[in-house]
Protein backbone atom coordinates (compact mmCIF):
# COMPACT_ATOMS: atom_id res chain seq x y z
CA UNK A 1 86.17 115.10 27.05
CA UNK A 2 88.04 111.88 27.71
CA UNK A 3 88.85 113.00 31.06
CA UNK A 4 85.30 113.84 32.03
CA UNK A 5 84.29 110.34 30.63
CA UNK A 6 87.22 108.83 32.64
CA UNK A 7 85.84 110.55 35.71
CA UNK A 8 82.54 109.30 35.16
CA UNK A 9 83.59 105.74 34.75
CA UNK A 10 85.63 105.79 38.01
CA UNK A 11 82.83 107.44 39.82
CA UNK A 12 80.44 104.70 38.64
CA UNK A 13 82.88 102.00 39.77
CA UNK A 14 83.37 103.63 43.19
CA UNK A 15 79.56 103.73 43.56
CA UNK A 16 79.22 100.10 42.47
CA UNK A 17 81.73 99.14 45.07
CA UNK A 18 80.20 101.09 47.80
CA UNK A 19 76.71 99.39 46.89
CA UNK A 20 78.46 95.88 46.87
CA UNK A 21 80.10 96.40 50.25
CA UNK A 22 76.85 97.87 51.98
CA UNK A 23 74.80 94.84 50.79
CA UNK A 24 77.47 92.17 51.58
CA UNK A 25 77.77 93.90 55.25
CA UNK A 26 73.98 94.01 55.61
CA UNK A 27 73.47 90.40 54.35
CA UNK A 28 76.32 89.33 56.75
CA UNK A 29 74.77 90.95 59.74
CA UNK A 30 71.47 89.06 58.93
CA UNK A 31 72.97 85.70 58.98
CA UNK A 32 71.71 84.74 62.29
CA UNK A 33 68.14 85.81 61.50
CA UNK A 34 68.04 83.76 58.36
CA UNK A 35 69.21 80.63 60.25
CA UNK A 36 66.77 81.00 63.22
CA UNK A 37 63.80 82.17 61.59
CA UNK A 38 63.05 78.96 59.39
CA UNK A 39 63.98 76.94 62.80
CA UNK A 40 61.23 79.05 64.75
CA UNK A 41 58.69 77.84 62.14
CA UNK A 42 59.19 74.25 63.11
CA UNK A 43 57.55 74.41 66.72
CA UNK A 44 54.92 76.90 65.42
CA UNK A 45 53.81 75.20 62.19
CA UNK A 46 54.60 71.42 62.87
CA UNK A 47 51.01 70.68 64.12
CA UNK A 48 49.21 72.46 61.31
CA UNK A 49 51.09 71.98 58.10
CA UNK A 50 51.13 68.76 56.42
CA UNK A 51 54.50 67.01 56.94
CA UNK A 52 55.69 66.79 53.59
CA UNK A 53 54.94 70.16 52.67
CA UNK A 54 56.79 71.46 55.81
CA UNK A 55 59.68 69.11 54.99
CA UNK A 56 60.07 70.52 51.39
CA UNK A 57 60.13 74.07 52.48
CA UNK A 58 62.33 73.40 55.64
CA UNK A 59 64.82 71.48 53.23
CA UNK A 60 64.70 74.24 50.56
CA UNK A 61 65.31 76.99 53.32
CA UNK A 62 68.25 75.31 54.86
CA UNK A 63 69.80 74.68 51.46
CA UNK A 64 69.27 78.25 50.37
CA UNK A 65 70.42 79.71 53.66
CA UNK A 66 73.51 77.45 53.56
CA UNK A 67 74.32 78.46 49.99
CA UNK A 68 73.52 82.01 50.78
CA UNK A 69 75.86 82.13 53.85
CA UNK A 70 78.85 80.35 51.99
CA UNK A 71 78.36 82.71 49.02
CA UNK A 72 78.40 86.15 51.13
CA UNK A 73 81.29 84.94 53.23
CA UNK A 74 83.38 84.12 50.14
CA UNK A 75 83.00 87.67 48.98
CA UNK A 76 84.86 90.62 50.06
CA UNK A 77 83.00 93.12 52.22
CA UNK A 78 85.54 96.12 52.19
CA UNK A 79 84.76 98.35 49.23
CA UNK A 80 88.54 98.80 48.48
CA UNK A 81 89.02 95.20 48.09
CA UNK A 82 86.12 94.32 45.67
CA UNK A 83 87.71 94.15 42.35
CA UNK A 84 84.67 93.26 40.12
CA UNK A 85 81.61 95.04 41.66
CA UNK A 86 79.23 94.21 38.99
CA UNK A 87 79.97 90.36 39.40
CA UNK A 88 80.01 90.79 43.32
CA UNK A 89 76.39 92.40 42.99
CA UNK A 90 75.00 89.71 40.68
CA UNK A 91 76.22 87.01 43.10
CA UNK A 92 74.68 88.95 46.13
CA UNK A 93 71.45 89.26 44.06
CA UNK A 94 71.21 85.43 43.57
CA UNK A 95 72.27 84.76 47.16
CA UNK A 96 69.38 86.91 48.60
CA UNK A 97 66.83 86.03 45.84
CA UNK A 98 67.04 82.29 46.85
CA UNK A 99 66.15 83.17 50.38
CA UNK A 100 63.42 85.43 49.17
CA UNK A 101 61.93 82.87 46.72
CA UNK A 102 61.93 80.52 50.06
CA UNK A 103 59.71 82.68 51.94
CA UNK A 104 57.31 83.07 48.98
CA UNK A 105 57.41 79.42 48.59
CA UNK A 106 56.00 79.08 52.25
CA UNK A 107 52.86 81.05 51.28
CA UNK A 108 52.11 78.10 48.85
CA UNK A 109 53.17 75.21 50.68
CA UNK A 110 52.31 76.18 54.32
CA UNK A 111 49.62 79.30 54.48
CA UNK A 112 46.54 77.20 53.26
CA UNK A 113 47.05 74.89 56.38
CA UNK A 114 47.90 77.52 59.00
CA UNK A 115 45.30 78.64 61.49
CA UNK A 116 44.76 82.65 61.21
CA UNK A 117 47.01 83.37 64.22
CA UNK A 118 49.89 81.58 62.58
CA UNK A 119 49.22 83.01 59.17
CA UNK A 120 49.44 86.37 61.05
CA UNK A 121 52.86 85.25 62.58
CA UNK A 122 53.93 84.35 59.09
CA UNK A 123 52.87 87.75 57.72
CA UNK A 124 54.95 89.45 60.55
CA UNK A 125 58.09 87.47 59.87
CA UNK A 126 57.88 88.06 56.02
CA UNK A 127 57.12 91.59 56.34
CA UNK A 128 59.78 92.18 58.92
CA UNK A 129 62.12 90.60 56.44
CA UNK A 130 60.73 92.93 53.83
CA UNK A 131 60.99 96.25 55.61
CA UNK A 132 64.64 95.33 56.65
CA UNK A 133 65.58 94.99 52.91
CA UNK A 134 64.57 98.48 52.51
CA UNK A 135 67.89 99.55 54.11
CA UNK A 136 69.72 96.48 53.37
CA UNK A 137 69.34 95.73 49.49
CA UNK A 138 67.51 98.62 48.07
CA UNK A 139 70.70 100.33 47.13
CA UNK A 140 70.75 97.86 44.18
CA UNK A 141 67.43 97.68 42.45
CA UNK A 142 67.86 94.17 41.07
CA UNK A 143 69.18 92.86 44.57
CA UNK A 144 65.98 94.46 46.30
CA UNK A 145 63.58 93.09 43.84
CA UNK A 146 64.95 89.66 43.82
CA UNK A 147 64.23 89.54 47.53
CA UNK A 148 60.97 91.21 47.68
CA UNK A 149 59.00 90.19 44.66
CA UNK A 150 58.96 86.48 45.48
CA UNK A 151 57.74 87.27 49.06
CA UNK A 152 55.02 89.72 47.92
CA UNK A 153 53.51 88.05 44.81
CA UNK A 154 52.42 84.89 46.48
CA UNK A 155 51.22 86.80 49.42
CA UNK A 156 49.08 89.17 47.51
CA UNK A 157 47.89 86.42 45.01
CA UNK A 158 46.25 84.68 48.20
CA UNK A 159 43.13 86.86 47.57
CA UNK A 160 42.64 84.79 44.31
CA UNK A 161 42.86 81.45 45.88
CA UNK A 162 40.17 79.37 46.43
CA UNK A 163 41.11 78.85 49.93
CA UNK A 164 39.92 81.74 52.19
CA UNK A 165 43.55 82.91 53.45
CA UNK A 166 42.72 86.43 54.31
CA UNK A 167 39.85 88.85 53.85
CA UNK A 168 40.56 91.19 50.79
CA UNK A 169 40.76 94.36 52.83
CA UNK A 170 43.88 92.93 54.57
CA UNK A 171 45.51 92.23 51.18
CA UNK A 172 44.89 95.54 50.16
CA UNK A 173 46.47 96.63 53.32
CA UNK A 174 49.61 94.55 52.27
CA UNK A 175 49.82 95.77 49.00
CA UNK A 176 49.60 99.31 50.41
CA UNK A 177 52.54 98.51 52.86
CA UNK A 178 54.57 97.28 49.91
CA UNK A 179 54.01 100.42 48.03
CA UNK A 180 55.26 102.44 51.17
CA UNK A 181 58.14 100.15 51.28
CA UNK A 182 58.80 100.80 47.67
CA UNK A 183 58.64 104.57 48.21
CA UNK A 184 60.87 104.52 51.04
CA UNK A 185 63.45 102.10 49.35
CA UNK A 186 63.63 104.37 46.47
CA UNK A 187 64.27 107.40 48.79
CA UNK A 188 66.80 105.58 50.50
CA UNK A 189 68.63 104.31 47.28
CA UNK A 190 68.86 107.85 46.10
CA UNK A 191 70.05 109.15 49.33
CA UNK A 192 72.78 106.48 49.61
CA UNK A 193 73.85 107.39 45.95
CA UNK A 194 73.99 110.92 46.63
CA UNK A 195 75.93 110.28 49.64
CA UNK A 196 78.48 108.14 47.83
CA UNK A 197 79.01 110.44 44.93
CA UNK A 198 79.40 113.33 47.33
CA UNK A 199 82.01 111.42 49.20
CA UNK A 200 83.74 110.54 46.04
CA UNK A 201 83.80 114.11 44.79
CA UNK A 202 84.92 115.35 48.31
CA UNK A 203 87.92 112.96 48.23
CA UNK A 204 88.97 114.21 44.82
CA UNK A 205 88.06 118.00 44.86
CA UNK A 206 89.14 118.70 48.64
CA UNK A 207 90.77 121.90 47.54
CA UNK A 208 87.35 123.48 46.67
CA UNK A 209 86.35 123.99 50.31
CA UNK A 210 83.41 126.22 49.87
CA UNK A 211 81.76 123.73 47.33
CA UNK A 212 82.40 120.86 49.57
CA UNK A 213 80.68 122.77 52.42
CA UNK A 214 77.53 123.48 50.35
CA UNK A 215 77.49 119.80 49.01
CA UNK A 216 77.75 118.55 52.76
CA UNK A 217 74.92 120.69 53.90
CA UNK A 218 72.77 119.41 50.90
CA UNK A 219 73.49 115.88 52.06
CA UNK A 220 72.55 116.40 55.58
CA UNK A 221 69.23 118.18 54.49
CA UNK A 222 68.53 115.20 52.29
CA UNK A 223 69.14 112.70 55.13
CA UNK A 224 67.18 114.80 57.51
CA UNK A 225 64.44 114.76 54.92
CA UNK A 226 64.65 110.84 54.45
CA UNK A 227 64.55 110.38 58.35
CA UNK A 228 61.42 112.37 58.58
CA UNK A 229 59.58 110.61 55.71
CA UNK A 230 60.70 107.17 56.80
CA UNK A 231 59.56 107.80 60.27
CA UNK A 232 55.98 109.45 59.15
CA UNK A 233 55.51 106.43 56.61
CA UNK A 234 56.49 103.62 58.96
CA UNK A 235 54.56 104.89 61.84
CA UNK A 236 51.03 104.49 59.98
CA UNK A 237 51.55 100.80 59.48
CA UNK A 238 53.22 100.48 62.99
CA UNK A 239 50.22 102.05 64.46
CA UNK A 240 48.04 99.43 62.72
CA UNK A 241 50.16 96.66 64.07
CA UNK A 242 49.59 98.29 67.51
CA UNK A 243 45.98 98.31 66.89
CA UNK A 244 45.60 94.78 65.90
CA UNK A 245 47.93 93.49 68.64
CA UNK A 246 45.75 95.25 71.15
CA UNK A 247 42.38 93.63 69.85
CA UNK A 248 44.00 90.28 70.23
CA UNK A 249 42.89 88.56 73.44
CA UNK A 250 45.85 86.45 74.63
CA UNK A 251 43.66 84.68 77.35
CA UNK A 252 41.73 83.04 74.55
CA UNK A 253 44.71 81.45 72.82
CA UNK A 254 46.48 78.22 73.20
CA UNK A 255 49.87 78.40 75.19
CA UNK A 256 52.07 78.22 72.19
CA UNK A 257 50.24 80.97 70.17
CA UNK A 258 50.18 83.12 73.26
CA UNK A 259 53.92 82.96 73.78
CA UNK A 260 54.46 83.72 70.14
CA UNK A 261 52.20 86.77 70.15
CA UNK A 262 54.03 87.81 73.33
CA UNK A 263 57.29 87.83 71.77
CA UNK A 264 55.73 89.92 68.79
CA UNK A 265 54.45 92.37 71.37
CA UNK A 266 57.89 92.45 72.92
CA UNK A 267 59.45 93.34 69.40
CA UNK A 268 56.79 95.87 68.75
CA UNK A 269 57.59 97.47 71.97
CA UNK A 270 61.17 97.84 71.05
CA UNK A 271 60.13 99.43 67.66
CA UNK A 272 57.88 101.78 69.53
CA UNK A 273 60.88 102.95 71.71
CA UNK A 274 62.89 103.64 68.47
CA UNK A 275 59.96 105.93 67.17
CA UNK A 276 59.91 107.70 70.77
CA UNK A 277 63.58 108.35 70.19
CA UNK A 278 63.07 110.17 66.93
CA UNK A 279 59.90 111.94 68.23
CA UNK A 280 62.09 113.35 71.16
CA UNK A 281 64.64 114.55 68.56
CA UNK A 282 61.85 116.28 66.72
CA UNK A 283 60.45 117.99 69.89
CA UNK A 284 64.03 119.33 70.68
CA UNK A 285 64.49 120.41 67.06
CA UNK A 286 61.16 122.19 67.48
CA UNK A 287 61.97 123.76 70.76
CA UNK A 288 58.87 122.45 71.97
CA UNK A 289 60.38 121.43 75.32
CA UNK A 290 60.11 123.96 78.09
CA UNK A 291 61.70 123.85 81.56
CA UNK A 292 59.32 124.24 84.29
CA UNK A 293 60.79 124.88 87.68
CA UNK A 294 58.56 123.31 90.48
CA UNK A 295 59.26 122.21 93.86
CA UNK A 296 58.95 118.39 94.13
CA UNK A 297 59.92 115.58 96.66
CA UNK A 298 62.98 113.66 95.50
CA UNK A 299 61.30 110.45 96.62
CA UNK A 300 58.46 110.93 94.25
CA UNK A 301 61.12 111.09 91.23
CA UNK A 302 62.93 108.07 92.55
CA UNK A 303 59.74 105.99 92.88
CA UNK A 304 58.92 106.87 89.31
CA UNK A 305 62.55 105.90 88.06
CA UNK A 306 62.21 102.86 90.05
CA UNK A 307 58.85 101.82 88.45
CA UNK A 308 59.84 102.45 85.16
CA UNK A 309 63.04 100.59 85.22
CA UNK A 310 63.31 98.02 87.86
CA UNK A 311 61.34 95.29 85.98
CA UNK A 312 63.73 95.67 82.96
CA UNK A 313 66.91 95.11 85.13
CA UNK A 314 65.29 92.33 86.83
CA UNK A 315 64.57 90.22 83.78
CA UNK A 316 68.14 90.46 82.95
CA UNK A 317 68.99 89.31 86.44
CA UNK A 318 70.47 92.63 87.24
CA UNK A 319 70.21 94.25 90.83
CA UNK A 320 68.82 97.80 90.40
CA UNK A 321 69.08 100.31 93.13
CA UNK A 322 68.18 103.82 93.71
CA UNK A 323 69.61 105.79 96.59
CA UNK A 324 68.41 109.22 97.75
CA UNK A 325 67.76 111.20 100.83
CA UNK A 326 64.30 112.58 101.94
CA UNK A 327 64.81 116.17 100.28
CA UNK A 328 63.11 118.78 98.14
CA UNK A 329 64.34 119.90 94.69
CA UNK A 330 63.08 122.92 92.76
CA UNK A 331 63.55 122.00 88.98
CA UNK A 332 61.89 120.16 86.10
CA UNK A 333 60.77 116.67 87.44
CA UNK A 334 59.64 115.41 84.09
CA UNK A 335 62.74 116.45 82.08
CA UNK A 336 65.05 115.09 84.93
CA UNK A 337 62.99 111.77 84.71
CA UNK A 338 63.72 111.53 80.78
CA UNK A 339 67.21 111.84 81.32
CA UNK A 340 67.59 109.53 84.12
CA UNK A 341 65.45 106.97 82.15
CA UNK A 342 67.54 107.15 79.12
CA UNK A 343 70.84 106.62 81.02
CA UNK A 344 69.25 103.82 83.18
CA UNK A 345 67.89 102.03 80.09
CA UNK A 346 71.16 102.49 78.21
CA UNK A 347 73.13 101.01 81.44
CA UNK A 348 70.68 98.01 81.41
CA UNK A 349 71.18 97.43 77.77
CA UNK A 350 74.81 97.03 78.05
CA UNK A 351 75.27 95.30 81.41
CA UNK A 352 74.97 91.50 81.19
CA UNK A 353 75.68 90.69 85.00
CA UNK A 354 76.05 92.91 88.14
CA UNK A 355 73.96 95.86 89.13
CA UNK A 356 72.75 99.36 87.90
CA UNK A 357 72.68 102.17 90.46
CA UNK A 358 71.00 105.53 90.45
CA UNK A 359 72.25 107.82 93.22
CA UNK A 360 70.79 111.37 93.96
CA UNK A 361 73.26 113.59 96.01
CA UNK A 362 73.51 117.11 96.88
CA UNK A 363 76.66 118.88 95.86
CA UNK A 364 76.81 122.91 96.73
CA UNK A 365 73.10 122.64 97.59
CA UNK A 366 72.43 121.42 94.07
CA UNK A 367 71.06 118.27 92.69
CA UNK A 368 73.71 115.88 91.16
CA UNK A 369 72.76 112.41 89.71
CA UNK A 370 74.93 109.40 89.20
CA UNK A 371 74.09 106.43 87.06
CA UNK A 372 76.48 103.60 87.13
CA UNK A 373 76.71 100.00 85.82
CA UNK A 374 79.02 97.10 85.89
CA UNK A 375 78.70 96.68 82.21
CA UNK A 376 81.08 96.46 79.20
CA UNK A 377 82.22 99.97 79.58
CA UNK A 378 83.30 102.51 76.90
CA UNK A 379 86.73 102.72 75.35
CA UNK A 380 88.44 106.01 75.80
CA UNK A 381 88.78 106.76 72.18
CA UNK A 382 84.90 106.55 71.89
CA UNK A 383 83.86 108.43 74.82
CA UNK A 384 84.02 111.83 73.05
CA UNK A 385 81.54 110.51 70.31
CA UNK A 386 78.89 108.77 72.30
CA UNK A 387 76.81 111.90 72.56
CA UNK A 388 76.40 112.37 68.98
CA UNK A 389 73.21 111.42 67.03
CA UNK A 390 73.00 107.80 65.50
CA UNK A 391 76.40 106.81 67.00
CA UNK A 392 76.74 103.19 68.18
CA UNK A 393 80.09 101.68 69.31
CA UNK A 394 81.50 99.17 66.94
CA UNK A 395 81.82 96.72 69.88
CA UNK A 396 78.10 96.67 70.55
CA UNK A 397 76.58 97.49 67.29
CA UNK A 398 75.72 93.72 66.40
CA UNK A 399 74.81 92.96 69.98
CA UNK A 400 72.11 95.36 70.82
CA UNK A 401 69.03 97.07 69.12
CA UNK A 402 68.71 100.87 68.95
CA UNK A 403 69.35 103.94 66.97
CA UNK A 404 72.16 105.40 68.76
CA UNK A 405 69.99 108.45 69.91
CA UNK A 406 69.59 107.76 73.67
CA UNK A 407 72.79 109.55 74.98
CA UNK A 408 72.20 112.27 72.23
CA UNK A 409 68.78 112.98 73.82
CA UNK A 410 70.54 113.17 77.26
CA UNK A 411 73.00 115.68 76.16
CA UNK A 412 70.34 117.95 74.59
CA UNK A 413 68.05 117.75 77.39
CA UNK A 414 70.94 118.59 79.97
CA UNK A 415 71.85 121.44 77.81
CA UNK A 416 68.14 122.67 78.07
CA UNK A 417 68.11 122.66 81.55
CA UNK A 418 71.66 123.98 81.84
CA UNK A 419 73.05 120.90 83.38
CA UNK A 420 76.35 119.27 82.79
CA UNK A 421 76.85 115.66 81.83
CA UNK A 422 80.13 113.76 81.93
CA UNK A 423 81.23 109.98 81.67
CA UNK A 424 83.73 107.83 83.64
CA UNK A 425 84.32 104.58 82.15
CA UNK A 426 86.80 101.66 82.15
CA UNK A 427 86.37 98.97 79.37
CA UNK A 428 84.95 95.67 80.89
CA UNK A 429 84.44 97.11 84.31
CA UNK A 430 81.57 99.54 83.95
CA UNK A 431 80.43 103.21 83.32
CA UNK A 432 79.39 106.06 85.45
CA UNK A 433 77.37 109.09 84.02
CA UNK A 434 77.39 112.10 86.41
CA UNK A 435 74.65 114.86 85.94
CA UNK A 436 75.30 118.16 87.59
CA UNK A 437 72.43 120.43 87.77
CA UNK A 438 71.79 123.84 88.99
CA UNK A 439 68.44 122.67 90.66
CA UNK A 440 68.35 123.61 94.46
CA UNK A 441 68.04 120.85 96.85
CA UNK A 442 67.33 121.01 100.44
CA UNK A 443 65.28 119.46 103.22
CA UNK A 444 63.69 122.83 103.85
CA UNK A 445 61.13 124.19 101.13
CA UNK A 446 61.62 127.71 102.29
CA UNK A 447 65.22 127.47 101.42
CA UNK A 448 64.79 126.35 97.78
CA UNK A 449 61.51 128.18 97.01
CA UNK A 450 60.31 130.77 99.70
CA UNK A 451 57.55 132.40 97.57
CA UNK A 452 55.66 128.88 97.08
CA UNK A 453 54.56 126.22 99.19
CA UNK A 454 55.15 122.71 98.45
CA UNK A 455 51.67 121.16 97.43
CA UNK A 456 51.35 117.49 98.13
CA UNK A 457 48.66 115.58 96.09
CA UNK A 458 46.40 113.60 98.53
CA UNK A 459 46.96 109.82 98.59
CA UNK A 460 44.21 108.06 96.65
CA UNK A 461 43.48 110.72 94.08
CA UNK A 462 42.91 109.92 90.60
CA UNK A 463 41.62 111.19 87.43
CA UNK A 464 38.50 109.68 85.64
CA UNK A 465 36.76 110.05 82.53
CA UNK A 466 33.13 108.74 84.09
CA UNK A 467 30.46 110.53 82.59
CA UNK A 468 32.55 112.63 80.07
CA UNK A 469 31.27 113.31 76.51
CA UNK A 470 34.08 112.23 74.03
CA UNK A 471 33.95 113.21 70.27
CA UNK A 472 36.02 111.13 68.15
CA UNK A 473 36.87 111.96 64.47
CA UNK A 474 38.85 109.11 62.59
CA UNK A 475 38.33 107.50 59.18
CA UNK A 476 39.48 104.03 60.13
CA UNK A 477 36.49 102.16 61.38
CA UNK A 478 38.72 99.45 63.11
CA UNK A 479 40.40 102.28 65.21
CA UNK A 480 37.13 103.94 66.01
CA UNK A 481 35.67 100.77 67.26
CA UNK A 482 38.91 100.35 69.49
CA UNK A 483 38.45 103.91 70.60
CA UNK A 484 34.99 103.24 71.60
CA UNK A 485 35.48 100.21 73.46
CA UNK A 486 38.42 101.55 75.43
CA UNK A 487 36.52 104.91 76.40
CA UNK A 488 32.94 103.17 77.08
CA UNK A 489 34.61 100.66 79.39
CA UNK A 490 35.97 103.60 81.34
CA UNK A 491 32.52 105.12 81.55
CA UNK A 492 32.66 107.85 78.96
CA UNK A 493 29.84 108.47 76.27
CA UNK A 494 31.52 108.17 72.72
CA UNK A 495 30.02 110.46 69.81
CA UNK A 496 31.68 109.42 66.43
CA UNK A 497 31.46 112.68 64.15
CA UNK A 498 31.70 112.71 60.47
CA UNK A 499 34.31 114.79 58.82
CA UNK A 500 31.87 115.68 55.89
CA UNK A 501 30.45 119.16 56.69
CA UNK A 502 26.74 118.51 56.01
CA UNK A 503 26.78 115.26 58.05
CA UNK A 504 28.79 117.09 60.86
CA UNK A 505 26.31 119.82 60.97
CA UNK A 506 23.30 117.52 61.47
CA UNK A 507 25.08 115.55 64.26
CA UNK A 508 26.17 118.67 66.13
CA UNK A 509 22.59 119.85 66.04
CA UNK A 510 21.70 117.01 68.29
CA UNK A 511 24.73 117.13 70.72
CA UNK A 512 24.56 119.46 73.61
CA UNK A 513 28.11 119.24 74.90
CA UNK A 514 31.47 117.83 74.19
CA UNK A 515 34.22 117.64 77.03
CA UNK A 516 37.07 116.42 74.87
CA UNK A 517 37.74 116.11 71.26
CA UNK A 518 39.91 113.21 69.89
CA UNK A 519 40.87 113.35 66.13
CA UNK A 520 43.43 111.77 63.81
CA UNK A 521 45.41 114.48 61.81
CA UNK A 522 45.34 113.33 58.24
CA UNK A 523 41.73 112.47 57.43
CA UNK A 524 40.39 111.52 53.95
CA UNK A 525 38.79 114.95 53.35
CA UNK A 526 40.17 117.41 55.67
CA UNK A 527 42.78 117.77 58.63
CA UNK A 528 42.08 117.05 62.28
CA UNK A 529 43.12 120.70 63.50
CA UNK A 530 40.57 122.28 61.03
CA UNK A 531 37.76 119.98 62.47
CA UNK A 532 38.94 120.80 66.14
CA UNK A 533 38.64 124.51 65.31
CA UNK A 534 35.16 124.25 63.73
CA UNK A 535 33.86 122.30 66.93
CA UNK A 536 35.30 125.00 69.19
CA UNK A 537 33.90 127.65 67.39
CA UNK A 538 30.37 125.85 67.31
CA UNK A 539 30.27 125.83 70.95
CA UNK A 540 32.12 129.00 71.54
CA UNK A 541 34.52 127.00 73.87
CA UNK A 542 38.10 126.08 74.05
CA UNK A 543 37.17 122.35 74.20
CA UNK A 544 40.29 120.26 75.36
CA UNK A 545 41.49 118.44 72.19
CA UNK A 546 43.91 115.62 71.17
CA UNK A 547 45.27 114.84 67.59
CA UNK A 548 46.81 111.50 66.87
CA UNK A 549 49.35 111.79 64.14
CA UNK A 550 52.21 110.10 62.51
CA UNK A 551 53.92 113.37 61.69
CA UNK A 552 56.83 114.41 63.90
CA UNK A 553 58.01 117.34 61.89
CA UNK A 554 59.00 120.20 64.14
CA UNK A 555 56.65 122.67 62.06
CA UNK A 556 53.57 120.51 62.99
CA UNK A 557 54.80 120.13 66.52
CA UNK A 558 54.83 123.92 66.78
CA UNK A 559 51.35 124.34 64.95
CA UNK A 560 49.77 122.13 67.52
CA UNK A 561 51.33 123.92 70.41
CA UNK A 562 50.05 127.14 69.15
CA UNK A 563 46.50 125.71 68.86
CA UNK A 564 46.53 124.54 72.30
CA UNK A 565 46.09 120.93 71.09
CA UNK A 566 47.68 117.89 72.88
CA UNK A 567 49.36 115.78 70.34
CA UNK A 568 50.00 112.07 70.49
CA UNK A 569 52.40 110.33 68.08
CA UNK A 570 51.62 107.02 66.34
CA UNK A 571 52.26 104.11 67.31
CA UNK A 572 50.62 104.66 70.54
CA UNK A 573 48.31 102.45 72.66
CA UNK A 574 44.65 103.11 73.48
CA UNK A 575 45.20 103.04 77.01
CA UNK A 576 47.82 105.92 76.80
CA UNK A 577 45.25 107.70 74.79
CA UNK A 578 42.36 107.14 77.43
CA UNK A 579 45.09 108.44 80.08
CA UNK A 580 45.74 111.51 78.07
CA UNK A 581 42.09 112.24 77.98
CA UNK A 582 41.66 111.71 81.66
CA UNK A 583 44.60 114.13 82.23
CA UNK A 584 43.33 117.12 80.14
CA UNK A 585 39.69 116.80 81.05
CA UNK A 586 40.46 116.30 84.92
CA UNK A 587 39.66 119.96 85.72
CA UNK A 588 36.62 120.29 83.11
């Protein structure tokens, strides 16, 4: 009995040390953001907030951030060096709590004087801080609430103020977001504890190999479930953020506000790219990606890569080149585009000066692609790990955003098309990725595909939804109105249908035709796929249909494929929705 109690005590101390180390590392990495965020508020808010209130808030924030920074850098950040983890966690709780209180104080001192656009910016800043705390501080409940409650209580209480800060639906939305954050934080904390306890047991019970294997599988399943839940729950509010940003007309804003919102849009674009990476992993897990062998001109692929990537390279002052001959290829153009785009984006991200080159060559009459850069390079010891999911090199982890999925996706796409990928790199001199495919390449179409002629699209051809009848099923009126504006501006007729059976039956009795169905998946009363099938049965026709959803699970990806329904994953822009409608209705 004593041995069991002693083991539990050691286990608890081990867990507290890991929590302390995790929070300290996260707090250290956020130091620059804590210093810059209050400073950025000065140019944005100085013309609107009373000088005394702004001075009080800035004074408090700089003192709090200074004390926080001094405290966390006095503490050890390596688990084995933390002697008193309980005291360590208390100090961290006080340190981050002071900063959280400062952001909450901003609601009282500044929010009543701010214009609506700057209130939205302050909401974005505090919400971003709160979301980041899910993974930084949620492993210790006291620390998490010490940071988030001082932020959320003042923001939610604005609905009771005499000053009209926000309309009450917005406050309800903030409250809903906080509930989602609490749910994800709880899941993450549990997953973290399970992972740490599992590691403790593995270190002390390594001889029980079979038990360790089962526990490791369970831990990986828990992590996968967490990633799926986090991706779904975060996509919903992120889609709402995209909606609101698209509805903002930048041309009507003053220069300062326009610049601030442009930066917000840039940050949202980065987050959308991360969600797309997770989505690609889900598609690969679901075996939803198929290889289509078609003949295409290499110049078309090269032009697409240049259009997608050159602006990003130019913005960093890099030279971007694409070198290719006038040849034909038989293979999957879209999958090749994804592979090369991932490699080119990766090269641009880790290159600060010089150039990024994409080169198409023929080797043994098959297509070979080289993507090279003059960036920081990859150490030989890390080259064997770079294709692992979520892997990021220690040297660049703190310098660049990302999830560590880009090269993993490249590897899996190469496996899908039967290609080989290898890397040649020298630290501080650059990196070259070489993709060797089995796709035939030639100047003569008959040599690579004698049974099929290359069909070239006529110049100037384009799709349109002019005169098309689009049925929209969505329970969010703001999104409905945005869909309506976007589609009507392109010349379509929009019918907003009800999800309630009686109302839907009355509507369908007056509608002669539907060219495309656009539906959300999770509706208040039913699911989008059910209504799509009902409409198809009503008109006795396989009407082209699109489902918009935040669910990226492989099972649902397969379901939509079986139903012959195009799926778009949140967050997504309304222009992308319209482009998809144009594509699937082009032949109708």
